[in-house]
C-alpha cells in the first residue's frame, strides 16, 4: 500500500510523516511521534482513553485517520502542561483530589475536561457529568473526577479574575 504525506501541529510543534492511508491518528501519535500519553483502550470509540483535542474539538483518536488530521492542530495530554513542565490546573486538580486511580483513563479524561472548560468555564456537576460521558473510568466511581474538574474550574476562574 502506498504511503501518504501528512503534516499537522501537535502540541504546538509542526510534525510530518509518511503513513498508510488506513493509519489511525492514535497510532500516528503513539508510534510515529512517540506521544504515548493517549491510550488505546477499546479501539471502538467507547472508552475515550484515546481522546485528544483536534482543531478545538475533542475527538477519539481511534476513530480518526491520520490523513483526516492533515493540517490540523492537535493537543494531547503531553501538550496540556506548559513548556516548562508546570502542570495545568486540571492535571494538578486530578492529583490533589484523587481523580485517578489506575491512570489508564486519565489522559483522555483530562484532555476532554480541558476542552469542556474552554466551552463552559463554570460547569455544574451535571454539565461535567454530561461533558465527560463519552469517557469511561473503571476505577474511581467518577465522584473524584467530578471534584477534580470543579476544582480546576475554580482555580482557572480565580486566576482569570485576578488577571482582569
Protein backbone atom coordinates (compact mmCIF):
# COMPACT_ATOMS: atom_id res chain seq x y z
CA UNK A 1 0.00 0.00 0.00
CA UNK A 2 1.36 3.41 -0.88
CA UNK A 3 2.09 5.88 1.88
CA UNK A 4 0.87 9.41 2.05
CA UNK A 5 2.46 12.53 3.45
CA UNK A 6 0.71 14.12 6.45
CA UNK A 7 1.57 17.22 8.40
CA UNK A 8 -0.03 18.71 11.47
CA UNK A 9 0.76 20.77 14.51
CA UNK A 10 0.94 18.61 17.62
CA UNK A 11 1.27 20.32 20.98
CA UNK A 12 2.46 23.49 19.24
CA UNK A 13 5.12 21.72 17.19
CA UNK A 14 4.94 21.14 13.42
CA UNK A 15 5.23 17.45 12.62
CA UNK A 16 5.03 15.48 9.43
CA UNK A 17 5.48 11.98 8.24
CA UNK A 18 4.65 9.27 5.78
CA UNK A 19 1.82 7.00 6.76
CA UNK A 20 -0.53 4.48 5.24
CA UNK A 21 -3.98 5.89 4.46
CA UNK A 22 -5.55 3.49 6.97
CA UNK A 23 -3.32 4.56 9.88
CA UNK A 24 -5.37 5.84 12.79
CA UNK A 25 -4.42 9.12 14.43
CA UNK A 26 -3.81 7.33 17.75
CA UNK A 27 -1.20 5.09 16.10
CA UNK A 28 0.43 8.02 14.30
CA UNK A 29 0.72 9.91 17.59
CA UNK A 30 1.94 6.98 19.66
CA UNK A 31 4.15 5.13 17.18
CA UNK A 32 5.39 7.80 14.80
CA UNK A 33 5.54 10.77 17.19
CA UNK A 34 6.35 8.95 20.43
CA UNK A 35 3.43 10.59 22.26
CA UNK A 36 2.17 7.70 24.34
CA UNK A 37 0.00 9.65 26.78
CA UNK A 38 -3.25 8.97 24.93
CA UNK A 39 -4.06 5.31 25.41
CA UNK A 40 -5.53 2.67 23.15
CA UNK A 41 -8.38 1.23 25.15
CA UNK A 42 -11.27 -0.33 23.29
CA UNK A 43 -10.49 0.50 19.62
CA UNK A 44 -14.22 1.14 19.16
CA UNK A 45 -14.61 4.73 20.46
CA UNK A 46 -16.49 3.66 23.57
CA UNK A 47 -13.95 4.28 26.33
CA UNK A 48 -12.36 7.66 25.46
CA UNK A 49 -8.86 6.72 26.64
CA UNK A 50 -7.56 7.98 23.28
CA UNK A 51 -9.22 11.42 23.47
CA UNK A 52 -7.21 14.30 22.00
CA UNK A 53 -8.14 17.84 21.05
CA UNK A 54 -8.27 18.41 17.29
CA UNK A 55 -8.98 21.87 15.91
CA UNK A 56 -10.79 22.88 19.08
CA UNK A 57 -12.90 19.74 19.46
CA UNK A 58 -12.47 16.59 21.49
CA UNK A 59 -12.04 13.57 19.26
CA UNK A 60 -11.37 9.94 19.92
CA UNK A 61 -8.14 9.34 18.07
CA UNK A 62 -9.05 5.69 17.43
CA UNK A 63 -11.82 6.88 15.08
CA UNK A 64 -9.83 9.42 13.07
CA UNK A 65 -7.38 8.55 10.33
CA UNK A 66 -4.07 10.40 10.44
CA UNK A 67 -4.89 11.61 6.93
CA UNK A 68 -8.05 13.28 8.27
CA UNK A 69 -5.87 15.20 10.71
CA UNK A 70 -3.70 16.61 7.91
CA UNK A 71 -3.15 20.35 8.59
CA UNK A 72 -4.90 20.02 11.98
CA UNK A 73 -3.98 21.47 15.36
CA UNK A 74 -3.73 18.56 17.82
CA UNK A 75 -3.30 18.79 21.59
CA UNK A 76 -2.56 15.63 23.54
CA UNK A 77 -2.17 15.19 27.28
CA UNK A 78 1.54 15.94 26.81
CA UNK A 79 0.65 19.39 25.45
CA UNK A 80 -1.61 20.46 28.30
CA UNK A 81 1.20 21.19 30.77
CA UNK A 82 3.18 24.31 29.91
CA UNK A 83 6.55 24.23 28.15
CA UNK A 84 8.40 24.46 31.47
CA UNK A 85 6.60 21.34 32.67
CA UNK A 86 4.28 23.11 35.11
CA UNK A 87 1.10 21.09 35.40
CA UNK A 88 -2.13 22.56 34.05
CA UNK A 89 -4.71 23.23 36.80
CA UNK A 90 -6.65 20.17 35.59
CA UNK A 91 -3.63 17.93 35.97
CA UNK A 92 -2.90 19.37 39.39
CA UNK A 93 -6.53 19.02 40.48
CA UNK A 94 -6.67 15.37 39.38
CA UNK A 95 -3.59 14.76 41.52
CA UNK A 96 -4.82 16.72 44.52
CA UNK A 97 -8.40 15.44 44.51
CA UNK A 98 -7.63 11.80 43.67
CA UNK A 99 -9.30 11.97 40.26
CA UNK A 100 -7.29 8.99 39.13
CA UNK A 101 -6.63 5.54 40.39
CA UNK A 102 -5.04 3.22 37.85
CA UNK A 103 -4.48 6.17 35.49
CA UNK A 104 -5.46 4.45 32.27
CA UNK A 105 -8.40 6.75 31.51
CA UNK A 106 -6.78 9.85 32.97
CA UNK A 107 -5.16 11.30 29.81
CA UNK A 108 -8.45 11.09 27.92
CA UNK A 109 -10.45 12.42 30.88
CA UNK A 110 -8.14 15.40 31.35
CA UNK A 111 -7.97 16.16 27.64
CA UNK A 112 -11.77 16.06 27.38
CA UNK A 113 -12.15 18.15 30.56
CA UNK A 114 -9.66 20.65 29.10
CA UNK A 115 -11.98 21.24 26.13
CA UNK A 116 -15.08 21.17 28.34
CA UNK A 117 -13.71 24.01 30.49
CA UNK A 118 -12.93 26.05 27.40
CA UNK A 119 -16.51 25.54 26.19
CA UNK A 120 -18.03 26.09 29.64
CA UNK A 121 -15.71 27.74 32.21
CA UNK A 122 -18.13 27.23 35.13
CA UNK A 123 -19.91 23.92 34.59
CA UNK A 124 -22.33 22.45 37.08
CA UNK A 125 -21.82 18.90 38.33
CA UNK A 126 -24.46 17.71 35.85
CA UNK A 127 -22.75 19.55 32.97
CA UNK A 128 -19.43 17.95 33.90
CA UNK A 129 -21.05 14.52 34.01
CA UNK A 130 -22.61 15.10 30.58
CA UNK A 131 -19.41 16.61 29.19
CA UNK A 132 -17.35 13.59 30.25
CA UNK A 133 -20.00 10.99 29.43
CA UNK A 134 -18.03 9.67 26.45
CA UNK A 135 -15.06 8.80 28.66
CA UNK A 136 -15.19 5.73 30.88
CA UNK A 137 -13.38 5.05 34.13
CA UNK A 138 -13.42 1.63 35.67
CA UNK A 139 -11.80 2.59 38.99
CA UNK A 140 -12.85 5.83 40.68
CA UNK A 141 -16.61 5.87 40.54
CA UNK A 142 -16.37 9.33 38.93
CA UNK A 143 -17.02 11.40 42.07
CA UNK A 144 -13.37 12.39 42.45
CA UNK A 145 -13.12 13.08 38.73
CA UNK A 146 -16.06 15.49 39.05
CA UNK A 147 -14.44 17.12 42.13
CA UNK A 148 -11.18 17.47 40.19
CA UNK A 149 -12.84 19.24 37.26
CA UNK A 150 -14.77 21.52 39.62
CA UNK A 151 -11.57 22.40 41.50
CA UNK A 152 -9.72 23.11 38.26
CA UNK A 153 -12.56 25.33 37.04
CA UNK A 154 -12.42 27.28 40.31
CA UNK A 155 -8.64 27.69 40.02
CA UNK A 156 -8.78 28.76 36.37
CA UNK A 157 -11.63 31.21 37.01
CA UNK A 158 -9.91 32.71 40.06
CA UNK A 159 -6.71 33.23 38.03
CA UNK A 160 -8.72 34.79 35.20
CA UNK A 161 -10.48 37.19 37.63
CA UNK A 162 -7.19 38.13 39.29
CA UNK A 163 -5.70 38.97 35.89
CA UNK A 164 -8.59 41.27 34.97
